[in-house]
Amino acid sequence: MYNKGIKIAAATLASIIIAGGFSIDTQASGIMTDMPGAGIAVVLSDTVLATDTVKAEENTTELVQEETKEDANVSENEAPVVKSEYDDIAIAQVTNYVNLRSEPSEEGEILGKLYNNSAATIIATEGDWYKIKSGSVDGYVKAEFVVSGAEAETLAKEVGHRTATVNTETLKVRNDAGLDATVQTLIPEGESYDVVEELDGWVKIAVDTDIEGYVSTEYVNLETEFVEAESIEEEKARLAEEERVRKEAEEAAKKADEASAKKKKSASSSESTDNAESTESSEAAAPAVTAPVSGSRAAIVSYALQFVGNPYVAGGTSLTNGADCSGFTYSVFADCGISIPRDSRSQAAGGTPVDLSAIQPGDLLFYSNGGSINHVALYIGNGQVVHASTAKTGIKISAYNYRTPCKAVTYIR
């Protein structure tokens, strides 16, 4: 009975050892080694423990691998979709503009205008109308007048306007991206130019169609602009500002006309007096008559400003459908009764030279690239010119020194 009890106790202890995950020496258990079966039970327990440990590790490895695989699947299946910046964009495709209304109906109040190629953000779709936000205007536009999705994304890259605005007093435009490159011209603070290409630390800009060059990104502010909707209030303010600029330019040109006429009258009176003194009778001298100024400065400036915003077309002379720089000045002067050469170099050579410090509205300013004149603009007064610049900007108003002028001439007598 004693031996049997010891065997049962040993077996029980072995089970406890196995269950607990331990392996102990028989002597440490306090059980005699010469007792039948006791040592075998302990050896068997150690073997089972080792086998179970390996299996447990294998199972754990398989479990970790399975969990890793599941995590990978979850990660793959639930990866966040990156939203394109153009997903919600709508771009107007109309002849001129489409009205934005207060409600999705043609009876809605007109809040503003979305011009052709102007962009908006789609907020919601209501039937065949989009609720959009563009500029300061929140309103509705009929879906048929805009494009969206992939078509809008493609178009956005064409109509988006990337510009570089000078943030230093005077910036050098070089013919290559490097401080050792030749300087083509100087451009002033505050003027904006079309971006042609962006490099590390440099950006290539279009000053005019005839001149492109590189400036340091340190001295320009880069922006991508889309034309946006214009509210009715903004339209009124814009038209009022345009009218103000027009009146100021016309007033400056008018004063120049008056000064010119006064100078001519004075010269004519002086000449008449000299003639009268040389004759035996003063009654024989005809009174001096000041001939009207053909194509006065005020008339030329006022006429030219009507075409701001119209397109630039290489080789063109149409003030409405498109002209290049010299085609613009050629047609403006022709319509005002003054004949001038067709190209910029000939225009520069054919006029009466004027000192750049004494230019007046109606005079022509010329710009060069590498020593050869290749651009012309019409001075309108107040430090500004109007000119046909690039295909993107068309006919526009700029500071007279938006690039360095090299010559001025006048065709106004």
Protein backbone atom coordinates (compact mmCIF):
# COMPACT_ATOMS: atom_id res chain seq x y z
CA MET A 1 0.00 0.00 0.00
CA TYR A 2 2.85 2.32 0.80
CA ASN A 3 4.52 1.80 -2.60
CA LYS A 4 1.21 2.27 -4.41
CA GLY A 5 0.59 5.52 -2.61
CA ILE A 6 4.01 6.76 -3.47
CA LYS A 7 3.44 5.89 -7.15
CA ILE A 8 0.13 7.75 -7.17
CA ALA A 9 1.72 10.72 -5.47
CA ALA A 10 4.58 10.71 -7.97
CA ALA A 11 2.18 10.50 -10.89
CA THR A 12 0.09 13.29 -9.44
CA LEU A 13 3.18 15.41 -8.91
CA ALA A 14 4.30 14.71 -12.49
CA SER A 15 0.92 15.82 -13.76
CA ILE A 16 1.18 18.99 -11.74
CA ILE A 17 4.67 19.56 -13.10
CA ILE A 18 3.47 19.02 -16.68
CA ALA A 19 0.48 21.23 -16.20
CA GLY A 20 2.61 23.94 -14.65
CA GLY A 21 5.16 23.84 -17.42
CA PHE A 22 8.11 22.97 -15.08
CA SER A 23 10.81 20.28 -15.09
CA ILE A 24 12.41 19.31 -11.72
CA ASP A 25 14.99 16.82 -10.50
CA THR A 26 13.69 13.71 -8.70
CA GLN A 27 15.82 14.38 -5.72
CA ALA A 28 14.49 17.89 -5.41
CA SER A 29 11.00 16.37 -5.14
CA GLY A 30 11.97 14.46 -2.03
CA ILE A 31 11.07 11.11 -3.69
CA MET A 32 13.66 8.34 -3.61
CA THR A 33 15.19 7.47 -6.96
CA ASP A 34 15.07 3.77 -6.41
CA MET A 35 11.31 3.73 -6.07
CA PRO A 36 9.75 1.81 -8.96
CA GLY A 37 8.44 4.01 -11.78
CA ALA A 38 9.21 7.32 -10.09
CA GLY A 39 12.19 8.33 -12.29
CA ILE A 40 10.47 7.25 -15.46
CA ALA A 41 7.48 9.44 -14.70
CA VAL A 42 9.69 12.48 -14.31
CA VAL A 43 11.64 11.77 -17.52
CA LEU A 44 8.41 11.32 -19.44
CA SER A 45 7.14 14.61 -18.05
CA ASP A 46 10.26 16.47 -19.23
CA THR A 47 9.89 15.02 -22.74
CA VAL A 48 6.23 15.91 -22.96
CA LEU A 49 6.99 19.42 -21.72
CA ALA A 50 9.68 19.96 -24.34
CA THR A 51 7.42 18.66 -27.12
CA ASP A 52 4.53 20.79 -25.97
CA THR A 53 6.80 23.86 -25.80
CA VAL A 54 7.92 23.36 -29.43
CA LYS A 55 4.34 22.86 -30.54
CA ALA A 56 3.27 25.91 -28.61
CA GLU A 57 6.01 27.98 -30.23
CA GLU A 58 5.06 26.65 -33.68
CA ASN A 59 1.42 27.44 -33.01
CA THR A 60 2.36 30.90 -31.79
CA THR A 61 4.49 31.51 -34.90
CA GLU A 62 1.66 30.34 -37.16
CA LEU A 63 -0.77 32.54 -35.24
CA VAL A 64 1.49 35.59 -35.54
CA GLN A 65 2.01 34.90 -39.25
CA GLU A 66 -1.72 34.53 -39.75
CA GLU A 67 -2.44 37.73 -37.83
CA THR A 68 0.25 39.56 -39.82
CA LYS A 69 -1.30 38.26 -43.03
CA GLU A 70 -4.74 39.37 -41.90
CA ASP A 71 -3.37 42.80 -40.92
CA ALA A 72 -1.79 43.11 -44.36
CA ASN A 73 -5.10 42.21 -45.98
CA VAL A 74 -6.93 44.74 -43.84
CA SER A 75 -4.30 47.37 -44.63
CA GLU A 76 -4.57 46.61 -48.34
CA ASN A 77 -8.36 46.55 -48.35
CA GLU A 78 -8.79 49.60 -46.16
CA ALA A 79 -6.00 51.83 -47.56
CA PRO A 80 -7.28 55.43 -47.69
CA VAL A 81 -8.00 56.72 -51.17
CA VAL A 82 -6.08 59.93 -51.90
CA LYS A 83 -8.52 62.52 -53.17
CA SER A 84 -7.47 64.54 -56.19
CA GLU A 85 -7.51 68.30 -55.75
CA TYR A 86 -9.64 68.40 -58.91
CA ASP A 87 -12.32 65.92 -57.78
CA ASP A 88 -14.86 68.61 -56.91
CA ILE A 89 -13.89 71.18 -59.49
CA ALA A 90 -16.20 72.51 -62.20
CA ILE A 91 -14.99 74.67 -65.09
CA ALA A 92 -17.30 76.80 -67.19
CA GLN A 93 -17.37 76.05 -70.91
CA VAL A 94 -19.47 78.80 -72.43
CA THR A 95 -19.10 81.49 -75.08
CA ASN A 96 -18.82 84.33 -72.57
CA TYR A 97 -20.31 83.66 -69.13
CA VAL A 98 -23.08 81.78 -67.34
CA ASN A 99 -25.21 83.28 -64.56
CA LEU A 100 -25.01 82.00 -60.99
CA ARG A 101 -28.41 81.96 -59.33
CA SER A 102 -29.78 81.93 -55.80
CA GLU A 103 -31.70 78.69 -56.39
CA PRO A 104 -31.60 75.78 -58.88
CA SER A 105 -33.99 77.44 -61.27
CA GLU A 106 -33.82 79.95 -64.09
CA GLU A 107 -36.19 82.04 -61.99
CA GLY A 108 -33.54 82.39 -59.27
CA GLU A 109 -31.94 85.76 -58.59
CA ILE A 110 -28.67 86.36 -60.47
CA LEU A 111 -25.88 86.54 -57.88
CA GLY A 112 -22.90 86.68 -60.20
CA LYS A 113 -21.24 85.51 -63.40
CA LEU A 114 -18.98 82.52 -64.06
CA TYR A 115 -16.91 83.38 -67.13
CA ASN A 116 -15.61 80.88 -69.68
CA ASN A 117 -12.77 78.73 -68.27
CA SER A 118 -13.49 80.03 -64.77
CA ALA A 119 -13.35 77.45 -61.98
CA ALA A 120 -15.66 76.60 -59.08
CA THR A 121 -15.94 74.02 -56.31
CA ILE A 122 -18.97 71.71 -56.49
CA ILE A 123 -20.75 71.59 -53.12
CA ALA A 124 -23.80 69.52 -54.05
CA THR A 125 -25.84 68.25 -56.99
CA GLU A 126 -29.54 69.04 -57.23
CA GLY A 127 -31.13 67.54 -60.31
CA ASP A 128 -29.43 69.00 -63.35
CA TRP A 129 -27.95 71.86 -61.33
CA TYR A 130 -24.74 72.15 -59.31
CA LYS A 131 -24.51 74.14 -56.14
CA ILE A 132 -21.05 75.71 -56.35
CA LYS A 133 -18.70 78.13 -54.63
CA SER A 134 -16.46 80.32 -56.72
CA GLY A 135 -14.70 83.39 -55.40
CA SER A 136 -17.11 85.17 -53.10
CA VAL A 137 -20.20 83.68 -54.77
CA ASP A 138 -22.23 80.70 -53.53
CA GLY A 139 -24.92 79.81 -56.03
CA TYR A 140 -26.37 77.41 -58.57
CA VAL A 141 -25.32 76.76 -62.14
CA LYS A 142 -26.82 74.41 -64.69
CA ALA A 143 -24.58 71.35 -65.10
CA GLU A 144 -24.69 71.57 -68.89
CA PHE A 145 -22.63 74.77 -68.81
CA VAL A 146 -19.66 73.32 -66.89
CA VAL A 147 -17.41 70.26 -67.07
CA SER A 148 -16.35 68.17 -64.08
CA GLY A 149 -14.47 64.96 -63.20
CA ALA A 150 -11.62 63.80 -65.42
CA GLU A 151 -12.50 66.32 -68.12
CA ALA A 152 -12.27 69.18 -65.62
CA GLU A 153 -8.94 67.89 -64.27
CA THR A 154 -7.42 67.89 -67.76
CA LEU A 155 -8.80 71.33 -68.53
CA ALA A 156 -7.73 72.75 -65.15
CA LYS A 157 -4.08 72.14 -65.97
CA GLU A 158 -4.53 74.18 -69.13
CA VAL A 159 -6.54 77.12 -67.79
CA GLY A 160 -4.88 77.37 -64.37
CA HIS A 161 -2.60 80.39 -64.30
CA ARG A 162 0.72 79.91 -62.49
CA THR A 163 2.30 83.27 -61.71
CA ALA A 164 5.43 84.67 -60.08
CA THR A 165 5.10 88.05 -58.37
CA VAL A 166 8.28 90.00 -57.64
CA ASN A 167 8.80 90.66 -53.91
CA THR A 168 12.01 92.69 -54.10
CA GLU A 169 12.65 96.21 -55.42
CA THR A 170 14.38 95.18 -58.65
CA LEU A 171 14.94 91.64 -59.89
CA LYS A 172 17.32 90.40 -62.60
CA VAL A 173 15.95 88.09 -65.29
CA ARG A 174 18.72 85.78 -66.54
CA ASN A 175 18.99 83.66 -69.68
CA ASP A 176 19.75 80.55 -67.60
CA ALA A 177 19.26 79.24 -64.07
CA GLY A 178 22.42 80.46 -62.36
CA LEU A 179 24.04 83.55 -60.91
CA ASP A 180 26.66 83.52 -63.67
CA ALA A 181 24.05 83.64 -66.44
CA THR A 182 23.58 86.76 -68.57
CA VAL A 183 21.03 89.31 -67.34
CA GLN A 184 18.37 89.94 -70.00
CA THR A 185 16.33 92.63 -68.26
CA LEU A 186 15.26 94.02 -64.90
CA ILE A 187 11.73 93.73 -63.51
CA PRO A 188 10.15 95.76 -60.69
CA GLU A 189 8.54 94.84 -57.38
CA GLY A 190 4.85 93.98 -57.48
CA GLU A 191 4.69 92.93 -61.14
CA SER A 192 3.41 89.41 -61.91
CA TYR A 193 4.61 87.16 -64.73
CA ASP A 194 3.55 83.85 -66.24
CA VAL A 195 5.47 80.80 -65.01
CA VAL A 196 6.91 78.66 -67.80
CA GLU A 197 8.97 76.17 -65.79
CA GLU A 198 9.96 75.53 -62.16
CA LEU A 199 13.39 74.26 -61.15
CA ASP A 200 15.18 73.81 -57.84
CA GLY A 201 15.66 77.36 -56.60
CA TRP A 202 14.78 78.96 -59.95
CA VAL A 203 11.68 79.64 -61.98
CA LYS A 204 11.44 80.44 -65.68
CA ILE A 205 9.01 83.26 -66.45
CA ALA A 206 7.56 84.86 -69.57
CA VAL A 207 8.08 88.60 -69.45
CA ASP A 208 6.56 88.99 -72.91
CA THR A 209 6.15 86.64 -75.84
CA ASP A 210 9.61 87.68 -77.03
CA ILE A 211 11.46 87.22 -73.75
CA GLU A 212 11.60 84.37 -71.24
CA GLY A 213 14.17 84.05 -68.50
CA TYR A 214 15.02 82.74 -65.04
CA VAL A 215 14.63 84.39 -61.63
CA SER A 216 15.45 83.11 -58.16
CA THR A 217 12.44 81.68 -56.29
CA GLU A 218 13.70 83.54 -53.23
CA TYR A 219 12.54 86.83 -54.72
CA VAL A 220 9.13 85.89 -56.11
CA ASN A 221 5.84 84.66 -54.68
CA LEU A 222 4.46 81.70 -56.66
CA GLU A 223 0.73 81.13 -56.99
CA THR A 224 -1.65 79.09 -59.12
CA GLU A 225 -4.71 81.10 -59.98
CA PHE A 226 -8.00 80.20 -61.58
CA VAL A 227 -10.37 82.81 -62.84
CA GLU A 228 -13.33 82.69 -60.47
CA ALA A 229 -16.87 83.95 -60.48
CA GLU A 230 -17.55 87.64 -60.13
CA SER A 231 -20.44 88.81 -57.99
CA ILE A 232 -22.71 91.57 -59.24
CA GLU A 233 -21.18 93.92 -56.66
CA GLU A 234 -17.64 92.99 -57.71
CA GLU A 235 -18.50 93.54 -61.35
CA LYS A 236 -19.76 97.04 -60.56
CA ALA A 237 -16.60 97.82 -58.58
CA ARG A 238 -14.37 96.50 -61.38
CA LEU A 239 -16.14 98.53 -64.03
CA ALA A 240 -15.90 101.64 -61.83
CA GLU A 241 -12.15 101.08 -61.34
CA GLU A 242 -11.63 100.55 -65.06
CA GLU A 243 -13.51 103.76 -65.74
CA ARG A 244 -11.36 105.59 -63.18
CA VAL A 245 -8.14 104.35 -64.82
CA ARG A 246 -9.52 105.27 -68.23
CA LYS A 247 -10.47 108.80 -67.13
CA GLU A 248 -7.09 109.36 -65.48
CA ALA A 249 -5.30 108.24 -68.63
CA GLU A 250 -7.54 110.39 -70.81
CA GLU A 251 -7.05 113.40 -68.53
CA ALA A 252 -3.28 112.97 -68.65
CA ALA A 253 -3.43 112.68 -72.44
CA LYS A 254 -5.71 115.71 -72.67
CA LYS A 255 -3.29 117.83 -70.66
CA ALA A 256 -0.49 116.68 -72.92
CA ASP A 257 -2.58 117.71 -75.94
CA GLU A 258 -3.27 121.14 -74.45
CA ALA A 259 0.39 121.68 -73.63
CA SER A 260 1.37 120.61 -77.14
CA ALA A 261 -1.24 122.89 -78.73
CA LYS A 262 -0.16 125.82 -76.55
CA LYS A 263 3.46 125.27 -77.50
CA LYS A 264 2.57 125.16 -81.19
CA LYS A 265 0.41 128.27 -80.92
CA SER A 266 3.18 130.15 -79.19
CA ALA A 267 5.66 129.07 -81.83
CA SER A 268 3.23 130.03 -84.60
CA SER A 269 2.53 133.46 -83.04
CA SER A 270 6.22 134.14 -82.74
CA GLU A 271 6.72 133.19 -86.36
CA SER A 272 3.82 135.43 -87.46
CA THR A 273 5.26 138.41 -85.58
CA ASP A 274 8.60 137.91 -87.21
CA ASN A 275 6.92 137.76 -90.60
CA ALA A 276 4.84 140.86 -89.88
CA GLU A 277 7.89 142.85 -88.91
CA SER A 278 9.59 141.89 -92.15
CA THR A 279 6.74 143.22 -94.32
CA GLU A 280 5.86 146.83 -95.03
CA SER A 281 2.29 146.38 -93.76
CA SER A 282 1.21 144.23 -90.82
CA GLU A 283 -2.23 143.94 -92.38
CA ALA A 284 -0.73 141.80 -95.10
CA ALA A 285 0.03 139.02 -92.61
CA ALA A 286 -2.68 136.37 -92.21
CA PRO A 287 -3.66 135.53 -88.61
CA ALA A 288 -2.03 132.43 -87.20
CA VAL A 289 -4.29 129.37 -87.20
CA THR A 290 -3.51 126.32 -85.07
CA ALA A 291 -4.33 123.20 -87.03
CA PRO A 292 -6.19 120.49 -85.11
CA VAL A 293 -3.96 117.75 -83.81
CA SER A 294 -4.59 114.69 -85.93
CA GLY A 295 -4.94 111.67 -83.65
CA SER A 296 -4.58 113.61 -80.38
CA ARG A 297 -2.98 111.93 -77.39
CA ALA A 298 -6.27 111.76 -75.48
CA ALA A 299 -8.03 110.17 -78.44
CA ILE A 300 -5.30 107.58 -78.96
CA VAL A 301 -5.14 106.57 -75.30
CA SER A 302 -8.92 106.40 -74.92
CA TYR A 303 -9.24 104.30 -78.05
CA ALA A 304 -6.46 101.88 -77.10
CA LEU A 305 -7.90 101.22 -73.63
CA GLN A 306 -11.11 99.88 -75.15
CA PHE A 307 -9.29 96.70 -76.18
CA VAL A 308 -7.78 95.67 -72.84
CA GLY A 309 -8.52 91.97 -72.28
CA ASN A 310 -8.67 91.08 -75.95
CA PRO A 311 -6.39 88.26 -77.19
CA TYR A 312 -2.76 88.22 -78.24
CA VAL A 313 -2.23 86.56 -81.62
CA ALA A 314 1.21 86.33 -83.20
CA GLY A 315 1.22 88.18 -86.52
CA GLY A 316 -2.26 89.59 -85.85
CA THR A 317 -3.47 93.16 -86.29
CA SER A 318 -7.09 92.79 -85.18
CA LEU A 319 -7.88 94.80 -82.06
CA THR A 320 -10.84 92.53 -81.33
CA ASN A 321 -9.82 89.08 -82.56
CA GLY A 322 -6.11 89.27 -81.76
CA ALA A 323 -2.96 91.24 -82.37
CA ASP A 324 0.72 91.01 -81.47
CA CYS A 325 2.53 93.92 -79.81
CA SER A 326 3.33 95.92 -82.94
CA GLY A 327 0.08 94.88 -84.61
CA PHE A 328 -1.75 96.44 -81.67
CA THR A 329 0.03 99.80 -81.86
CA TYR A 330 -0.12 99.78 -85.67
CA SER A 331 -3.91 99.33 -85.68
CA VAL A 332 -4.56 101.81 -82.84
CA PHE A 333 -2.63 104.53 -84.66
CA ALA A 334 -4.15 103.65 -88.04
CA ASP A 335 -7.68 103.96 -86.64
CA CYS A 336 -6.71 107.37 -85.22
CA GLY A 337 -5.47 108.59 -88.59
CA ILE A 338 -1.72 108.09 -88.12
CA SER A 339 0.30 105.77 -90.33
CA ILE A 340 3.23 103.97 -88.69
CA PRO A 341 5.33 100.95 -89.74
CA ARG A 342 4.09 97.43 -89.00
CA ASP A 343 6.90 95.87 -86.91
CA SER A 344 8.39 97.10 -83.63
CA ARG A 345 11.92 97.75 -84.93
CA SER A 346 10.62 99.85 -87.81
CA GLN A 347 8.26 101.70 -85.45
CA ALA A 348 11.23 102.51 -83.20
CA ALA A 349 13.26 103.75 -86.17
CA GLY A 350 10.47 105.74 -87.81
CA GLY A 351 9.29 107.93 -84.93
CA THR A 352 10.78 111.05 -83.39
CA PRO A 353 12.99 110.03 -80.45
CA VAL A 354 11.83 111.12 -76.99
CA ASP A 355 13.86 111.06 -73.80
CA LEU A 356 12.55 108.39 -71.44
CA SER A 357 12.27 111.01 -68.70
CA ALA A 358 9.99 113.15 -70.88
CA ILE A 359 7.52 110.61 -72.28
CA GLN A 360 3.88 111.63 -72.71
CA PRO A 361 0.63 109.68 -73.20
CA GLY A 362 0.46 108.43 -76.77
CA ASP A 363 4.22 107.90 -77.09
CA LEU A 364 5.59 104.45 -77.88
CA LEU A 365 8.00 102.65 -75.56
CA PHE A 366 10.31 99.92 -76.83
CA TYR A 367 12.01 96.99 -75.14
CA SER A 368 14.90 94.82 -76.24
CA ASN A 369 16.23 91.33 -75.68
CA GLY A 370 19.96 91.01 -76.21
CA GLY A 371 20.31 94.45 -77.79
CA SER A 372 17.64 94.07 -80.48
CA ILE A 373 14.24 95.76 -80.11
CA ASN A 374 11.46 93.19 -80.12
CA HIS A 375 8.54 94.63 -78.13
CA VAL A 376 6.51 97.83 -78.14
CA ALA A 377 3.92 99.33 -75.80
CA LEU A 378 1.77 102.46 -75.79
CA TYR A 379 2.36 104.86 -72.90
CA ILE A 380 -0.96 105.96 -71.36
CA GLY A 381 0.31 108.20 -68.55
CA ASN A 382 0.64 107.75 -64.78
CA GLY A 383 3.60 105.43 -65.23
CA GLN A 384 1.60 102.84 -67.19
CA VAL A 385 1.53 101.28 -70.65
CA VAL A 386 -1.03 99.24 -72.55
CA HIS A 387 0.32 96.47 -74.77
CA ALA A 388 -0.34 93.07 -76.33
CA SER A 389 1.83 90.93 -74.07
CA THR A 390 1.42 87.13 -74.20
CA ALA A 391 -1.05 84.51 -75.36
CA LYS A 392 -2.15 83.99 -71.75
CA THR A 393 -2.60 87.63 -70.76
CA GLY A 394 -3.58 89.22 -74.07
CA ILE A 395 -3.82 93.00 -74.23
CA LYS A 396 -3.11 94.36 -70.75
CA ILE A 397 -2.00 97.35 -68.70
CA SER A 398 1.41 97.20 -67.00
CA ALA A 399 3.83 99.50 -65.24
CA TYR A 400 5.95 101.18 -67.92
CA ASN A 401 9.05 99.55 -66.40
CA TYR A 402 7.58 96.04 -66.03
CA ARG A 403 10.76 95.31 -67.99
CA THR A 404 13.54 97.76 -68.81
CA PRO A 405 12.54 100.15 -71.63
CA CYS A 406 15.33 101.06 -74.03
CA LYS A 407 13.78 103.71 -76.28
CA ALA A 408 10.77 106.00 -76.72
CA VAL A 409 9.45 107.71 -79.82
CA THR A 410 6.44 109.79 -80.77
CA TYR A 411 4.36 109.95 -83.95
CA ILE A 412 2.16 112.76 -82.68
CA ARG A 413 2.96 116.17 -84.11
